[in-house]
C-alpha atoms as a PDB file:
ATOM      1  CA  MET A   1     -16.573 150.994  -7.675  1.00  0.00           C
ATOM      2  CA  SER A   2     -19.288 149.116  -9.567  1.00  0.00           C
ATOM      3  CA  VAL A   3     -19.202 148.861 -13.363  1.00  0.00           C
ATOM      4  CA  ILE A   4     -22.230 151.186 -13.621  1.00  0.00           C
ATOM      5  CA  ALA A   5     -20.732 153.752 -11.222  1.00  0.00           C
ATOM      6  CA  HIS A   6     -17.403 153.602 -13.080  1.00  0.00           C
ATOM      7  CA  SER A   7     -19.189 154.121 -16.406  1.00  0.00           C
ATOM      8  CA  LYS A   8     -21.078 157.155 -15.026  1.00  0.00           C
ATOM      9  CA  SER A   9     -17.838 158.547 -13.585  1.00  0.00           C
ATOM     10  CA  GLU A  10     -16.093 158.118 -16.948  1.00  0.00           C
ATOM     11  CA  GLN A  11     -19.000 159.763 -18.799  1.00  0.00           C
ATOM     12  CA  HIS A  12     -19.018 162.704 -16.348  1.00  0.00           C
ATOM     13  CA  LEU A  13     -15.240 163.048 -16.703  1.00  0.00           C
ATOM     14  CA  THR A  14     -15.430 162.936 -20.506  1.00  0.00           C
ATOM     15  CA  GLU A  15     -18.167 165.613 -20.585  1.00  0.00           C
ATOM     16  CA  LYS A  16     -16.357 167.966 -18.201  1.00  0.00           C
ATOM     17  CA  LEU A  17     -13.027 167.532 -19.989  1.00  0.00           C
ATOM     18  CA  SER A  18     -14.503 168.211 -23.421  1.00  0.00           C
ATOM     19  CA  THR A  19     -16.358 171.270 -22.098  1.00  0.00           C
ATOM     20  CA  GLY A  20     -13.026 172.539 -20.750  1.00  0.00           C
ATOM     21  CA  GLY A  21     -11.257 171.935 -24.066  1.00  0.00           C
ATOM     22  CA  PHE A  22      -9.453 168.757 -23.003  1.00  0.00           C
ATOM     23  CA  ARG A  23      -9.740 165.235 -24.320  1.00  0.00           C
ATOM     24  CA  PHE A  24     -10.326 162.092 -22.315  1.00  0.00           C
ATOM     25  CA  THR A  25      -7.200 160.028 -21.621  1.00  0.00           C
ATOM     26  CA  PRO A  26      -6.735 156.869 -19.550  1.00  0.00           C
ATOM     27  CA  GLN A  27      -4.200 158.763 -17.423  1.00  0.00           C
ATOM     28  CA  ARG A  28      -6.711 161.523 -16.587  1.00  0.00           C
ATOM     29  CA  GLN A  29      -9.323 158.889 -15.748  1.00  0.00           C
ATOM     30  CA  HIS A  30      -6.872 157.062 -13.523  1.00  0.00           C
ATOM     31  CA  VAL A  31      -5.744 160.186 -11.651  1.00  0.00           C
ATOM     32  CA  TYR A  32      -9.372 161.240 -11.185  1.00  0.00           C
ATOM     33  CA  ASP A  33     -10.285 157.769  -9.889  1.00  0.00           C
ATOM     34  CA  VAL A  34      -7.372 157.907  -7.421  1.00  0.00           C
ATOM     35  CA  ILE A  35      -8.629 161.226  -6.032  1.00  0.00           C
ATOM     36  CA  LEU A  36     -12.219 159.988  -5.821  1.00  0.00           C
ATOM     37  CA  HIS A  37     -11.239 156.693  -4.190  1.00  0.00           C
ATOM     38  CA  LYS A  38      -9.697 158.211  -1.061  1.00  0.00           C
ATOM     39  CA  ARG A  39     -11.042 161.685  -0.386  1.00  0.00           C
ATOM     40  CA  ASP A  40      -8.328 162.782   2.004  1.00  0.00           C
ATOM     41  CA  HIS A  41      -7.202 165.915   0.159  1.00  0.00           C
ATOM     42  CA  PRO A  42      -3.970 164.422  -1.216  1.00  0.00           C
ATOM     43  CA  THR A  43      -1.002 166.415  -2.453  1.00  0.00           C
ATOM     44  CA  ALA A  44       0.208 165.965  -6.041  1.00  0.00           C
ATOM     45  CA  GLU A  45       2.966 163.723  -4.683  1.00  0.00           C
ATOM     46  CA  ASP A  46       0.382 161.580  -2.861  1.00  0.00           C
ATOM     47  CA  VAL A  47      -1.628 161.282  -6.076  1.00  0.00           C
ATOM     48  CA  PHE A  48       1.524 160.346  -7.999  1.00  0.00           C
ATOM     49  CA  ILE A  49       2.452 157.598  -5.505  1.00  0.00           C
ATOM     50  CA  ARG A  50      -1.083 156.173  -5.462  1.00  0.00           C
ATOM     51  CA  THR A  51      -1.400 156.304  -9.255  1.00  0.00           C
ATOM     52  CA  LYS A  52       2.000 154.711  -9.782  1.00  0.00           C
ATOM     53  CA  LYS A  53       0.875 151.593  -7.872  1.00  0.00           C
ATOM     54  CA  THR A  54      -1.583 150.632 -10.587  1.00  0.00           C
ATOM     55  CA  MET A  55      -0.147 152.567 -13.535  1.00  0.00           C
ATOM     56  CA  PRO A  56       3.635 152.138 -13.089  1.00  0.00           C
ATOM     57  CA  GLU A  57       4.564 153.881 -16.344  1.00  0.00           C
ATOM     58  CA  ILE A  58       2.993 157.237 -15.380  1.00  0.00           C
ATOM     59  CA  SER A  59       5.395 160.154 -14.797  1.00  0.00           C
ATOM     60  CA  HIS A  60       5.324 163.049 -12.358  1.00  0.00           C
ATOM     61  CA  ALA A  61       4.747 165.444 -15.267  1.00  0.00           C
ATOM     62  CA  THR A  62       1.743 163.466 -16.484  1.00  0.00           C
ATOM     63  CA  VAL A  63       0.170 163.433 -13.013  1.00  0.00           C
ATOM     64  CA  TYR A  64       0.720 167.205 -12.644  1.00  0.00           C
ATOM     65  CA  ASN A  65      -0.755 167.798 -16.114  1.00  0.00           C
ATOM     66  CA  CYS A  66      -3.752 165.589 -15.292  1.00  0.00           C
ATOM     67  CA  LEU A  67      -4.344 167.458 -12.030  1.00  0.00           C
ATOM     68  CA  ASP A  68      -4.115 170.779 -13.881  1.00  0.00           C
ATOM     69  CA  ALA A  69      -6.707 169.615 -16.431  1.00  0.00           C
ATOM     70  CA  LEU A  70      -9.028 168.319 -13.692  1.00  0.00           C
ATOM     71  CA  VAL A  71      -8.819 171.657 -11.849  1.00  0.00           C
ATOM     72  CA  LYS A  72      -9.402 173.706 -15.018  1.00  0.00           C
ATOM     73  CA  CYS A  73     -12.460 171.579 -15.876  1.00  0.00           C
ATOM     74  CA  GLY A  74     -14.014 172.006 -12.440  1.00  0.00           C
ATOM     75  CA  LEU A  75     -13.716 168.366 -11.420  1.00  0.00           C
ATOM     76  CA  VAL A  76     -11.232 168.968  -8.607  1.00  0.00           C
ATOM     77  CA  ARG A  77     -10.313 172.056  -6.647  1.00  0.00           C
ATOM     78  CA  GLN A  78      -6.939 173.119  -5.336  1.00  0.00           C
ATOM     79  CA  VAL A  79      -6.774 173.652  -1.601  1.00  0.00           C
ATOM     80  CA  GLN A  80      -4.013 175.558   0.153  1.00  0.00           C
ATOM     81  CA  LEU A  81      -4.238 174.904   3.880  1.00  0.00           C
ATOM     82  CA  GLU A  82      -0.766 175.590   5.140  1.00  0.00           C
ATOM     83  CA  ARG A  83       2.636 176.557   3.819  1.00  0.00           C
ATOM     84  CA  GLY A  84       3.047 173.026   2.466  1.00  0.00           C
ATOM     85  CA  ALA A  85       2.071 171.547  -0.850  1.00  0.00           C
ATOM     86  CA  THR A  86      -1.225 172.252  -2.555  1.00  0.00           C
ATOM     87  CA  ARG A  87      -3.848 169.610  -1.921  1.00  0.00           C
ATOM     88  CA  PHE A  88      -6.656 168.434  -4.184  1.00  0.00           C
ATOM     89  CA  CYS A  89     -10.322 168.050  -3.274  1.00  0.00           C
ATOM     90  CA  PRO A  90     -12.943 166.372  -5.488  1.00  0.00           C
ATOM     91  CA  ASN A  91     -15.840 167.863  -3.494  1.00  0.00           C
ATOM     92  CA  MET A  92     -17.149 170.587  -5.785  1.00  0.00           C
ATOM     93  CA  GLU A  93     -20.059 171.579  -3.521  1.00  0.00           C
ATOM     94  CA  GLU A  94     -19.614 174.798  -1.541  1.00  0.00           C
ATOM     95  CA  HIS A  95     -17.842 173.808   1.648  1.00  0.00           C
ATOM     96  CA  CYS A  96     -15.076 174.864   3.974  1.00  0.00           C
ATOM     97  CA  HIS A  97     -12.123 172.863   5.207  1.00  0.00           C
ATOM     98  CA  TYR A  98     -11.428 172.267   8.874  1.00  0.00           C
ATOM     99  CA  PHE A  99      -7.753 171.407   9.300  1.00  0.00           C
ATOM    100  CA  CYS A 100      -6.516 169.665  12.441  1.00  0.00           C
ATOM    101  CA  ASP A 101      -3.156 171.222  13.268  1.00  0.00           C
ATOM    102  CA  ALA A 102      -2.287 168.214  15.474  1.00  0.00           C
ATOM    103  CA  CYS A 103      -2.846 165.237  13.129  1.00  0.00           C
ATOM    104  CA  GLY A 104      -3.245 166.938   9.734  1.00  0.00           C
ATOM    105  CA  GLU A 105      -6.681 165.503   9.000  1.00  0.00           C
ATOM    106  CA  ILE A 106      -8.965 167.631   6.841  1.00  0.00           C
ATOM    107  CA  PHE A 107     -12.735 167.671   7.189  1.00  0.00           C
ATOM    108  CA  ASP A 108     -15.169 169.026   4.583  1.00  0.00           C
ATOM    109  CA  VAL A 109     -18.085 170.929   6.106  1.00  0.00           C
ATOM    110  CA  PRO A 110     -20.903 172.065   3.793  1.00  0.00           C
ATOM    111  CA  LEU A 111     -21.676 175.758   3.509  1.00  0.00           C
ATOM    112  CA  PRO A 112     -25.061 177.292   2.726  1.00  0.00           C
ATOM    113  CA  THR A 113     -25.425 178.035  -0.981  1.00  0.00           C
ATOM    114  CA  ASP A 114     -26.910 181.432  -0.124  1.00  0.00           C
ATOM    115  CA  SER A 115     -24.028 183.900  -0.350  1.00  0.00           C
ATOM    116  CA  THR A 116     -25.644 186.254   2.201  1.00  0.00           C
ATOM    117  CA  PHE A 117     -24.606 184.145   5.195  1.00  0.00           C
ATOM    118  CA  MET A 118     -21.184 185.806   5.270  1.00  0.00           C
ATOM    119  CA  PRO A 119     -20.625 189.560   5.207  1.00  0.00           C
ATOM    120  CA  HIS A 120     -19.019 190.949   2.057  1.00  0.00           C
ATOM    121  CA  PRO A 121     -18.457 194.366   0.478  1.00  0.00           C
ATOM    122  CA  LYS A 122     -21.507 196.107  -0.958  1.00  0.00           C
ATOM    123  CA  GLY A 123     -22.088 195.040  -4.545  1.00  0.00           C
ATOM    124  CA  PHE A 124     -19.601 192.173  -4.350  1.00  0.00           C
ATOM    125  CA  LYS A 125     -20.839 189.077  -6.194  1.00  0.00           C
ATOM    126  CA  VAL A 126     -19.620 185.892  -4.506  1.00  0.00           C
ATOM    127  CA  ASP A 127     -18.430 183.259  -6.991  1.00  0.00           C
ATOM    128  CA  HIS A 128     -17.226 180.613  -4.529  1.00  0.00           C
ATOM    129  CA  TYR A 129     -15.726 180.261  -1.096  1.00  0.00           C
ATOM    130  CA  ASP A 130     -12.219 179.189  -0.139  1.00  0.00           C
ATOM    131  CA  ILE A 131     -12.345 178.894   3.635  1.00  0.00           C
ATOM    132  CA  ALA A 132      -9.951 176.964   5.858  1.00  0.00           C
ATOM    133  CA  VAL A 133     -10.434 176.778   9.606  1.00  0.00           C
ATOM    134  CA  HIS A 134      -7.528 175.618  11.771  1.00  0.00           C
ATOM    135  CA  GLY A 135      -7.811 173.949  15.140  1.00  0.00           C
ATOM    136  CA  VAL A 136      -7.783 170.514  16.722  1.00  0.00           C
ATOM    137  CA  CYS A 137     -10.120 167.644  15.792  1.00  0.00           C
ATOM    138  CA  ALA A 138     -12.184 165.844  18.457  1.00  0.00           C
ATOM    139  CA  GLU A 139      -9.830 162.842  18.627  1.00  0.00           C
ATOM    140  CA  CYS A 140      -6.737 164.985  19.092  1.00  0.00           C
ATOM    141  CA  ALA A 141      -8.522 167.181  21.637  1.00  0.00           C
ATOM    142  CA  ASP A 142      -9.434 164.039  23.632  1.00  0.00           C
ATOM    143  CA  ARG A 143      -5.811 162.814  23.494  1.00  0.00           C
ATOM    144  CA  GLN A 144      -4.562 166.201  24.697  1.00  0.00           C
ATOM    145  CA  LYS A 145      -6.867 166.026  27.754  1.00  0.00           C
ATOM    146  CA  LYS A 146      -5.342 162.732  28.927  1.00  0.00           C
END
């Protein structure tokens, strides 16, 4: 990440945290950077392992607290795709998740911002979508054919 991009990311993080009633900390910045660096919908344990590589003194509790703050501030969303651990997604645009049941890869697919594209009860005001679609990705489908 360039110095300018990092500075913008830090400013955005600081603004969102303060709006949510949290203060900026180096640990929150680091956890957020880890999630932004590899957008593969990591679990909290994945985030902990990745963060620990460059911030060895960080604890599990600190990582969980950082993730909680990031979710509450609208910087990261929690994603529950299977019975396993909750995953974290930094994509805050409306989108759905396509989960490959064969390899575990997760794909973000944008959704229209118009809430009328999906049927809903009369008078229901859509706030956001939480959609997960299960199946097999193209690579796994090709492997299964062979």
